[in-house]
Amino acid sequence: MSATETETDGDRTGDSEASDGANRGTNTWEDSLLAVRDLDAGYGDLQILTGVDLDVRNGEYVTIVGPNGAGKSTVMKSVFGLTNRMGGTIEYGGADITDTQPEEIIYEGLGYVPQNHNIFGSLSVQENLEMGAYILDEVPEESIEAVYDRFPILRERRDQEAGTMSGGQRQMLAMGRALMLDPDLLLLDEPSAGLAPDLVDDMFDRIDGINDDGTAVLMVEQNAKEALRRCDRGYVLVDGKNRYEDTGRALLEDDQVRQDFLGG
């Protein structure tokens, strides 16, 4: 769902501060696919996130941006059960998954592509995709074909050892593997990291296509301006806390957001 198609209906509540620019703070939605409320989380005894709120609605495209060390990736990992969640709640599809482990979350229709170590380098492309459906009794051939249709280069390289492919091809494979179970929400952590500049737009176009086909997307992205230009809504995290939440366009056009977080 592109930024120009953002839905404005639905029950919205919040405590954001009124201003002429982007909303400072957050709003919350009562009809969200993913609802993160007052989340405290970190690693071991180290707390990274404090009172974070975040929503993703059905079919929505949401981006998290902010300075290095803000806790952006920690939000993603917390949703997928990979951190120590110290307080707050996480609901997905109306069910409480706050204390659910990653091996159980995958059954809920949620896919996750981490920034690093997101493929099996010693396996072939085909074997990586089959691993994406490991919880099923049989690998659905139609799902593999759908991934190959979306990423034709993977079909060409289906027998190639995944670790020998380029960075862009490995990223496509990681997304394809996550799509094998047809998730309702896809979490993407820095999908353009390490890609050559001429491949970044192509990667964003492919993510747009996944979203246009009905899969909601929650993305952390270093290329903040381009991510906000394409998404429906964005969150700005600072020091593990919500700072702004608004449409991608509103965040891009806010002078303070641009100056502080987007390089002017």
C-alpha atoms as a PDB file:
ATOM      1  CA  MET A   1       0.000   0.000   0.000  1.00  0.00           C
ATOM      2  CA  SER A   2       1.786   3.130  -1.166  1.00  0.00           C
ATOM      3  CA  ALA A   3       1.843   6.339   0.826  1.00  0.00           C
ATOM      4  CA  THR A   4      -0.720   7.930  -1.461  1.00  0.00           C
ATOM      5  CA  GLU A   5      -3.129   5.078  -0.715  1.00  0.00           C
ATOM      6  CA  THR A   6      -2.968   5.239   3.081  1.00  0.00           C
ATOM      7  CA  GLU A   7      -6.304   4.442   4.680  1.00  0.00           C
ATOM      8  CA  THR A   8      -7.596   7.002   7.142  1.00  0.00           C
ATOM      9  CA  ASP A   9     -10.632   5.126   8.456  1.00  0.00           C
ATOM     10  CA  GLY A  10     -10.599   2.983  11.574  1.00  0.00           C
ATOM     11  CA  ASP A  11     -10.601   3.750  15.282  1.00  0.00           C
ATOM     12  CA  ARG A  12      -7.527   5.737  16.205  1.00  0.00           C
ATOM     13  CA  THR A  13      -6.526   6.849  19.663  1.00  0.00           C
ATOM     14  CA  GLY A  14      -3.361   8.415  20.970  1.00  0.00           C
ATOM     15  CA  ASP A  15      -1.454  10.892  23.038  1.00  0.00           C
ATOM     16  CA  SER A  16       0.590  12.657  20.388  1.00  0.00           C
ATOM     17  CA  GLU A  17       1.295  16.340  20.806  1.00  0.00           C
ATOM     18  CA  ALA A  18      -0.498  18.621  18.374  1.00  0.00           C
ATOM     19  CA  SER A  19       1.862  20.544  16.108  1.00  0.00           C
ATOM     20  CA  ASP A  20       2.082  22.014  12.650  1.00  0.00           C
ATOM     21  CA  GLY A  21       4.498  19.258  11.650  1.00  0.00           C
ATOM     22  CA  ALA A  22       4.681  15.512  12.140  1.00  0.00           C
ATOM     23  CA  ASN A  23       2.999  13.965  15.186  1.00  0.00           C
ATOM     24  CA  ARG A  24       5.343  13.921  18.145  1.00  0.00           C
ATOM     25  CA  GLY A  25       4.683  10.786  20.173  1.00  0.00           C
ATOM     26  CA  THR A  26       2.387   8.051  18.890  1.00  0.00           C
ATOM     27  CA  ASN A  27      -1.170   7.229  17.990  1.00  0.00           C
ATOM     28  CA  THR A  28      -2.563   3.719  18.399  1.00  0.00           C
ATOM     29  CA  TRP A  29      -5.118   1.817  16.344  1.00  0.00           C
ATOM     30  CA  GLU A  30      -7.802  -0.532  17.625  1.00  0.00           C
ATOM     31  CA  ASP A  31      -7.953  -2.658  14.474  1.00  0.00           C
ATOM     32  CA  SER A  32      -4.255  -3.498  14.072  1.00  0.00           C
ATOM     33  CA  LEU A  33      -2.781  -6.730  12.762  1.00  0.00           C
ATOM     34  CA  LEU A  34       0.255  -6.076  14.987  1.00  0.00           C
ATOM     35  CA  ALA A  35      -0.139  -4.036  18.178  1.00  0.00           C
ATOM     36  CA  VAL A  36       2.899  -3.309  20.361  1.00  0.00           C
ATOM     37  CA  ARG A  37       1.976  -1.576  23.601  1.00  0.00           C
ATOM     38  CA  ASP A  38       4.284   0.016  26.195  1.00  0.00           C
ATOM     39  CA  LEU A  39       7.088  -2.403  25.311  1.00  0.00           C
ATOM     40  CA  ASP A  40      10.199  -2.605  27.478  1.00  0.00           C
ATOM     41  CA  ALA A  41      12.777  -4.984  26.030  1.00  0.00           C
ATOM     42  CA  GLY A  42      16.480  -5.656  25.693  1.00  0.00           C
ATOM     43  CA  TYR A  43      19.172  -8.291  25.993  1.00  0.00           C
ATOM     44  CA  GLY A  44      19.839  -9.974  29.316  1.00  0.00           C
ATOM     45  CA  ASP A  45      19.613  -7.249  31.941  1.00  0.00           C
ATOM     46  CA  LEU A  46      20.334  -4.465  29.431  1.00  0.00           C
ATOM     47  CA  GLN A  47      17.140  -2.552  28.610  1.00  0.00           C
ATOM     48  CA  ILE A  48      17.060  -1.019  25.120  1.00  0.00           C
ATOM     49  CA  LEU A  49      13.378  -0.181  24.592  1.00  0.00           C
ATOM     50  CA  THR A  50      11.242   1.848  26.971  1.00  0.00           C
ATOM     51  CA  GLY A  51       7.470   2.132  26.580  1.00  0.00           C
ATOM     52  CA  VAL A  52       7.434   1.630  22.797  1.00  0.00           C
ATOM     53  CA  ASP A  53       4.065   1.648  21.001  1.00  0.00           C
ATOM     54  CA  LEU A  54       3.740   0.507  17.389  1.00  0.00           C
ATOM     55  CA  ASP A  55       0.958  -0.636  15.067  1.00  0.00           C
ATOM     56  CA  VAL A  56       0.774  -2.312  11.693  1.00  0.00           C
ATOM     57  CA  ARG A  57      -2.652  -2.680  10.116  1.00  0.00           C
ATOM     58  CA  ASN A  58      -3.693  -5.280   7.555  1.00  0.00           C
ATOM     59  CA  GLY A  59      -1.876  -4.660   4.282  1.00  0.00           C
ATOM     60  CA  GLU A  60      -0.005  -1.642   5.623  1.00  0.00           C
ATOM     61  CA  TYR A  61       3.608  -0.681   4.885  1.00  0.00           C
ATOM     62  CA  VAL A  62       5.335   0.738   7.972  1.00  0.00           C
ATOM     63  CA  THR A  63       8.944   1.858   8.403  1.00  0.00           C
ATOM     64  CA  ILE A  64      10.988   2.425  11.566  1.00  0.00           C
ATOM     65  CA  VAL A  65      13.788   4.976  11.280  1.00  0.00           C
ATOM     66  CA  GLY A  66      16.075   6.730  13.736  1.00  0.00           C
ATOM     67  CA  PRO A  67      19.730   7.189  14.656  1.00  0.00           C
ATOM     68  CA  ASN A  68      22.126   4.305  15.189  1.00  0.00           C
ATOM     69  CA  GLY A  69      21.529   2.629  18.530  1.00  0.00           C
ATOM     70  CA  ALA A  70      17.932   3.836  18.764  1.00  0.00           C
ATOM     71  CA  GLY A  71      16.561   0.314  19.181  1.00  0.00           C
ATOM     72  CA  LYS A  72      15.026  -0.120  15.737  1.00  0.00           C
ATOM     73  CA  SER A  73      16.202  -3.688  15.180  1.00  0.00           C
ATOM     74  CA  THR A  74      15.404  -4.522  18.790  1.00  0.00           C
ATOM     75  CA  VAL A  75      11.739  -3.752  18.075  1.00  0.00           C
ATOM     76  CA  MET A  76      11.758  -6.255  15.212  1.00  0.00           C
ATOM     77  CA  LYS A  77      13.547  -8.904  17.250  1.00  0.00           C
ATOM     78  CA  SER A  78      11.149  -8.359  20.145  1.00  0.00           C
ATOM     79  CA  VAL A  79       8.123  -8.951  17.937  1.00  0.00           C
ATOM     80  CA  PHE A  80       9.687 -12.218  16.804  1.00  0.00           C
ATOM     81  CA  GLY A  81      10.563 -13.322  20.330  1.00  0.00           C
ATOM     82  CA  LEU A  82      14.330 -12.823  20.121  1.00  0.00           C
ATOM     83  CA  THR A  83      14.846 -10.425  23.062  1.00  0.00           C
ATOM     84  CA  ASN A  84      14.171 -10.297  26.764  1.00  0.00           C
ATOM     85  CA  ARG A  85      10.743  -8.658  26.899  1.00  0.00           C
ATOM     86  CA  MET A  86      10.604  -6.914  30.264  1.00  0.00           C
ATOM     87  CA  GLY A  87       7.207  -5.235  30.114  1.00  0.00           C
ATOM     88  CA  GLY A  88       4.297  -4.330  27.882  1.00  0.00           C
ATOM     89  CA  THR A  89       2.409  -6.509  25.411  1.00  0.00           C
ATOM     90  CA  ILE A  90       2.620  -7.646  21.789  1.00  0.00           C
ATOM     91  CA  GLU A  91      -0.536  -8.786  20.015  1.00  0.00           C
ATOM     92  CA  TYR A  92      -0.663 -10.286  16.541  1.00  0.00           C
ATOM     93  CA  GLY A  93      -3.925 -11.063  14.799  1.00  0.00           C
ATOM     94  CA  GLY A  94      -5.728 -10.384  18.075  1.00  0.00           C
ATOM     95  CA  ALA A  95      -3.689 -12.982  20.003  1.00  0.00           C
ATOM     96  CA  ASP A  96      -1.196 -12.150  22.751  1.00  0.00           C
ATOM     97  CA  ILE A  97       2.272 -13.296  21.589  1.00  0.00           C
ATOM     98  CA  THR A  98       4.249 -11.412  24.240  1.00  0.00           C
ATOM     99  CA  ASP A  99       5.776 -14.562  25.720  1.00  0.00           C
ATOM    100  CA  THR A 100       5.731 -16.671  22.556  1.00  0.00           C
ATOM    101  CA  GLN A 101       8.982 -18.197  21.300  1.00  0.00           C
ATOM    102  CA  PRO A 102      10.200 -17.749  17.686  1.00  0.00           C
ATOM    103  CA  GLU A 103       9.598 -21.393  16.789  1.00  0.00           C
ATOM    104  CA  GLU A 104       5.946 -20.893  17.746  1.00  0.00           C
ATOM    105  CA  ILE A 105       5.498 -17.411  16.260  1.00  0.00           C
ATOM    106  CA  ILE A 106       6.248 -18.718  12.779  1.00  0.00           C
ATOM    107  CA  TYR A 107       2.998 -20.699  12.959  1.00  0.00           C
ATOM    108  CA  GLU A 108       1.050 -17.449  13.454  1.00  0.00           C
ATOM    109  CA  GLY A 109       1.625 -16.141   9.916  1.00  0.00           C
ATOM    110  CA  LEU A 110       4.532 -13.803  10.597  1.00  0.00           C
ATOM    111  CA  GLY A 111       7.759 -13.824   8.567  1.00  0.00           C
ATOM    112  CA  TYR A 112      11.095 -12.309   9.612  1.00  0.00           C
ATOM    113  CA  VAL A 113      14.179 -11.493   7.540  1.00  0.00           C
ATOM    114  CA  PRO A 114      17.104 -10.472   9.781  1.00  0.00           C
ATOM    115  CA  GLN A 115      19.851  -8.223   8.480  1.00  0.00           C
ATOM    116  CA  ASN A 116      22.583 -10.853   8.824  1.00  0.00           C
ATOM    117  CA  HIS A 117      22.796 -14.642   8.664  1.00  0.00           C
ATOM    118  CA  ASN A 118      19.491 -14.828   6.810  1.00  0.00           C
ATOM    119  CA  ILE A 119      20.276 -17.688   4.408  1.00  0.00           C
ATOM    120  CA  PHE A 120      21.902 -21.129   4.592  1.00  0.00           C
ATOM    121  CA  GLY A 121      25.068 -20.480   2.594  1.00  0.00           C
ATOM    122  CA  SER A 122      26.013 -24.123   2.059  1.00  0.00           C
ATOM    123  CA  LEU A 123      22.578 -25.083   0.713  1.00  0.00           C
ATOM    124  CA  SER A 124      21.290 -24.460  -2.798  1.00  0.00           C
ATOM    125  CA  VAL A 125      18.715 -21.796  -3.591  1.00  0.00           C
ATOM    126  CA  GLN A 126      16.039 -24.470  -3.942  1.00  0.00           C
ATOM    127  CA  GLU A 127      16.998 -26.061  -0.622  1.00  0.00           C
ATOM    128  CA  ASN A 128      16.851 -22.676   1.120  1.00  0.00           C
ATOM    129  CA  LEU A 129      13.310 -22.150  -0.124  1.00  0.00           C
ATOM    130  CA  GLU A 130      12.323 -25.626   0.984  1.00  0.00           C
ATOM    131  CA  MET A 131      13.695 -24.818   4.451  1.00  0.00           C
ATOM    132  CA  GLY A 132      11.297 -21.869   4.521  1.00  0.00           C
ATOM    133  CA  ALA A 133       8.425 -24.366   4.622  1.00  0.00           C
ATOM    134  CA  TYR A 134       9.989 -26.781   7.091  1.00  0.00           C
ATOM    135  CA  ILE A 135       6.956 -26.690   9.417  1.00  0.00           C
ATOM    136  CA  LEU A 136       4.739 -28.187   6.695  1.00  0.00           C
ATOM    137  CA  ASP A 137       4.389 -31.887   5.957  1.00  0.00           C
ATOM    138  CA  GLU A 138       5.142 -31.208   2.292  1.00  0.00           C
ATOM    139  CA  VAL A 139       6.845 -28.308   0.569  1.00  0.00           C
ATOM    140  CA  PRO A 140       4.140 -26.556  -1.491  1.00  0.00           C
ATOM    141  CA  GLU A 141       5.388 -26.454  -5.059  1.00  0.00           C
ATOM    142  CA  GLU A 142       3.080 -23.543  -5.828  1.00  0.00           C
ATOM    143  CA  SER A 143       4.804 -21.474  -3.145  1.00  0.00           C
ATOM    144  CA  ILE A 144       8.231 -22.145  -4.632  1.00  0.00           C
ATOM    145  CA  GLU A 145       6.928 -21.236  -8.079  1.00  0.00           C
ATOM    146  CA  ALA A 146       5.412 -18.028  -6.697  1.00  0.00           C
ATOM    147  CA  VAL A 147       8.814 -17.066  -5.256  1.00  0.00           C
ATOM    148  CA  TYR A 148      10.523 -17.858  -8.539  1.00  0.00           C
ATOM    149  CA  ASP A 149       7.960 -15.763 -10.397  1.00  0.00           C
ATOM    150  CA  ARG A 150       8.636 -12.841  -8.048  1.00  0.00           C
ATOM    151  CA  PHE A 151      12.432 -13.251  -8.197  1.00  0.00           C
ATOM    152  CA  PRO A 152      13.283 -14.780 -11.611  1.00  0.00           C
ATOM    153  CA  ILE A 153      17.029 -14.735 -10.917  1.00  0.00           C
ATOM    154  CA  LEU A 154      16.429 -17.311  -8.188  1.00  0.00           C
ATOM    155  CA  ARG A 155      14.880 -19.674 -10.709  1.00  0.00           C
ATOM    156  CA  GLU A 156      17.993 -19.322 -12.856  1.00  0.00           C
ATOM    157  CA  ARG A 157      20.201 -20.018  -9.835  1.00  0.00           C
ATOM    158  CA  ARG A 158      18.023 -22.673  -8.194  1.00  0.00           C
ATOM    159  CA  ASP A 159      20.883 -25.213  -8.042  1.00  0.00           C
ATOM    160  CA  GLN A 160      23.579 -22.712  -7.059  1.00  0.00           C
ATOM    161  CA  GLU A 161      25.073 -22.732  -3.571  1.00  0.00           C
ATOM    162  CA  ALA A 162      23.436 -19.758  -1.894  1.00  0.00           C
ATOM    163  CA  GLY A 163      26.617 -18.480  -0.261  1.00  0.00           C
ATOM    164  CA  THR A 164      28.214 -17.866  -3.657  1.00  0.00           C
ATOM    165  CA  MET A 165      25.531 -15.446  -4.844  1.00  0.00           C
ATOM    166  CA  SER A 166      25.747 -11.641  -4.799  1.00  0.00           C
ATOM    167  CA  GLY A 167      24.440  -9.619  -1.865  1.00  0.00           C
ATOM    168  CA  GLY A 168      21.325  -8.574  -3.726  1.00  0.00           C
ATOM    169  CA  GLN A 169      20.550 -12.123  -4.779  1.00  0.00           C
ATOM    170  CA  ARG A 170      21.033 -13.399  -1.235  1.00  0.00           C
ATOM    171  CA  GLN A 171      18.641 -10.739   0.033  1.00  0.00           C
ATOM    172  CA  MET A 172      16.028 -11.826  -2.533  1.00  0.00           C
ATOM    173  CA  LEU A 173      16.511 -15.422  -1.400  1.00  0.00           C
ATOM    174  CA  ALA A 174      16.057 -14.451   2.247  1.00  0.00           C
ATOM    175  CA  MET A 175      12.804 -12.662   1.433  1.00  0.00           C
ATOM    176  CA  GLY A 176      11.663 -15.517  -0.760  1.00  0.00           C
ATOM    177  CA  ARG A 177      12.301 -18.031   2.015  1.00  0.00           C
ATOM    178  CA  ALA A 178      10.270 -15.903   4.438  1.00  0.00           C
ATOM    179  CA  LEU A 179       7.414 -15.757   1.913  1.00  0.00           C
ATOM    180  CA  MET A 180       7.174 -19.545   1.570  1.00  0.00           C
ATOM    181  CA  LEU A 181       4.514 -19.698   4.308  1.00  0.00           C
ATOM    182  CA  ASP A 182       2.541 -16.781   2.820  1.00  0.00           C
ATOM    183  CA  PRO A 183       2.765 -14.594   5.948  1.00  0.00           C
ATOM    184  CA  ASP A 184       0.290 -11.806   6.633  1.00  0.00           C
ATOM    185  CA  LEU A 185       3.151  -9.642   7.945  1.00  0.00           C
ATOM    186  CA  LEU A 186       6.765  -9.567   6.794  1.00  0.00           C
ATOM    187  CA  LEU A 187       9.438  -8.067   9.076  1.00  0.00           C
ATOM    188  CA  LEU A 188      12.462  -6.744   7.157  1.00  0.00           C
ATOM    189  CA  ASP A 189      15.570  -5.599   9.026  1.00  0.00           C
ATOM    190  CA  GLU A 190      17.767  -3.309   6.872  1.00  0.00           C
ATOM    191  CA  PRO A 191      16.999  -4.989   3.511  1.00  0.00           C
ATOM    192  CA  SER A 192      19.214  -2.594   1.530  1.00  0.00           C
ATOM    193  CA  ALA A 193      22.266  -2.920   3.814  1.00  0.00           C
ATOM    194  CA  GLY A 194      25.400  -3.788   1.883  1.00  0.00           C
ATOM    195  CA  LEU A 195      23.783  -3.472  -1.534  1.00  0.00           C
ATOM    196  CA  ALA A 196      25.408  -1.543  -4.355  1.00  0.00           C
ATOM    197  CA  PRO A 197      23.648   1.822  -4.894  1.00  0.00           C
ATOM    198  CA  ASP A 198      22.263   0.762  -8.269  1.00  0.00           C
ATOM    199  CA  LEU A 199      20.512  -2.225  -6.638  1.00  0.00           C
ATOM    200  CA  VAL A 200      18.807  -0.343  -3.821  1.00  0.00           C
ATOM    201  CA  ASP A 201      15.901   0.999  -5.901  1.00  0.00           C
ATOM    202  CA  ASP A 202      15.299  -2.460  -7.334  1.00  0.00           C
ATOM    203  CA  MET A 203      15.146  -3.930  -3.832  1.00  0.00           C
ATOM    204  CA  PHE A 204      12.644  -1.287  -2.734  1.00  0.00           C
ATOM    205  CA  ASP A 205      10.558  -1.946  -5.856  1.00  0.00           C
ATOM    206  CA  ARG A 206      10.407  -5.629  -4.970  1.00  0.00           C
ATOM    207  CA  ILE A 207       9.315  -4.830  -1.416  1.00  0.00           C
ATOM    208  CA  ASP A 208       6.650  -2.517  -2.847  1.00  0.00           C
ATOM    209  CA  GLY A 209       5.440  -5.429  -4.964  1.00  0.00           C
ATOM    210  CA  ILE A 210       5.196  -7.751  -1.962  1.00  0.00           C
ATOM    211  CA  ASN A 211       3.111  -5.138  -0.162  1.00  0.00           C
ATOM    212  CA  ASP A 212       0.971  -4.400  -3.210  1.00  0.00           C
ATOM    213  CA  ASP A 213       0.058  -8.095  -3.317  1.00  0.00           C
ATOM    214  CA  GLY A 214      -1.436  -7.838   0.171  1.00  0.00           C
ATOM    215  CA  THR A 215       1.355  -8.668   2.609  1.00  0.00           C
ATOM    216  CA  ALA A 216       1.804  -6.101   5.372  1.00  0.00           C
ATOM    217  CA  VAL A 217       5.408  -4.941   5.802  1.00  0.00           C
ATOM    218  CA  LEU A 218       7.257  -3.657   8.868  1.00  0.00           C
ATOM    219  CA  MET A 219      10.739  -2.517   7.907  1.00  0.00           C
ATOM    220  CA  VAL A 220      13.812  -1.061   9.575  1.00  0.00           C
ATOM    221  CA  GLU A 221      15.870   0.764   6.979  1.00  0.00           C
ATOM    222  CA  GLN A 222      19.076   2.815   6.900  1.00  0.00           C
ATOM    223  CA  ASN A 223      17.976   4.578   3.706  1.00  0.00           C
ATOM    224  CA  ALA A 224      15.409   6.541   5.685  1.00  0.00           C
ATOM    225  CA  LYS A 225      14.339   9.062   3.052  1.00  0.00           C
ATOM    226  CA  GLU A 226      13.573   6.455   0.417  1.00  0.00           C
ATOM    227  CA  ALA A 227      11.848   4.186   2.934  1.00  0.00           C
ATOM    228  CA  LEU A 228       9.615   7.007   4.181  1.00  0.00           C
ATOM    229  CA  ARG A 229       8.851   8.088   0.634  1.00  0.00           C
ATOM    230  CA  ARG A 230       7.448   4.654  -0.152  1.00  0.00           C
ATOM    231  CA  CYS A 231       5.744   3.625   3.080  1.00  0.00           C
ATOM    232  CA  ASP A 232       2.288   4.370   4.465  1.00  0.00           C
ATOM    233  CA  ARG A 233       3.423   5.338   7.955  1.00  0.00           C
ATOM    234  CA  GLY A 234       6.696   5.717   9.790  1.00  0.00           C
ATOM    235  CA  TYR A 235       8.006   5.733  13.331  1.00  0.00           C
ATOM    236  CA  VAL A 236      11.066   7.652  14.532  1.00  0.00           C
ATOM    237  CA  LEU A 237      12.769   5.977  17.496  1.00  0.00           C
ATOM    238  CA  VAL A 238      15.343   7.781  19.651  1.00  0.00           C
ATOM    239  CA  ASP A 239      17.118   6.223  22.626  1.00  0.00           C
ATOM    240  CA  GLY A 240      14.686   3.304  22.637  1.00  0.00           C
ATOM    241  CA  LYS A 241      11.594   5.506  22.819  1.00  0.00           C
ATOM    242  CA  ASN A 242       8.940   6.750  20.403  1.00  0.00           C
ATOM    243  CA  ARG A 243       9.705  10.263  19.155  1.00  0.00           C
ATOM    244  CA  TYR A 244       7.421  10.700  16.112  1.00  0.00           C
ATOM    245  CA  GLU A 245       4.725   8.703  14.305  1.00  0.00           C
ATOM    246  CA  ASP A 246       2.993   9.875  11.149  1.00  0.00           C
ATOM    247  CA  THR A 247       2.582   9.168   7.464  1.00  0.00           C
ATOM    248  CA  GLY A 248       5.823   8.734   5.593  1.00  0.00           C
ATOM    249  CA  ARG A 249       5.121  11.922   3.664  1.00  0.00           C
ATOM    250  CA  ALA A 250       4.463  13.968   6.830  1.00  0.00           C
ATOM    251  CA  LEU A 251       7.735  12.805   8.378  1.00  0.00           C
ATOM    252  CA  LEU A 252       9.649  13.651   5.201  1.00  0.00           C
ATOM    253  CA  GLU A 253       8.148  17.137   5.095  1.00  0.00           C
ATOM    254  CA  ASP A 254       8.720  17.930   8.786  1.00  0.00           C
ATOM    255  CA  ASP A 255      11.640  20.361   9.141  1.00  0.00           C
ATOM    256  CA  GLN A 256      12.713  19.055  12.553  1.00  0.00           C
ATOM    257  CA  VAL A 257      12.597  15.416  11.492  1.00  0.00           C
ATOM    258  CA  ARG A 258      14.609  16.173   8.364  1.00  0.00           C
ATOM    259  CA  GLN A 259      17.205  18.172  10.278  1.00  0.00           C
ATOM    260  CA  ASP A 260      17.635  15.742  13.157  1.00  0.00           C
ATOM    261  CA  PHE A 261      17.245  12.354  11.501  1.00  0.00           C
ATOM    262  CA  LEU A 262      17.279  12.605   7.705  1.00  0.00           C
ATOM    263  CA  GLY A 263      20.361  14.705   7.058  1.00  0.00           C
ATOM    264  CA  GLY A 264      18.475  17.912   6.237  1.00  0.00           C
END
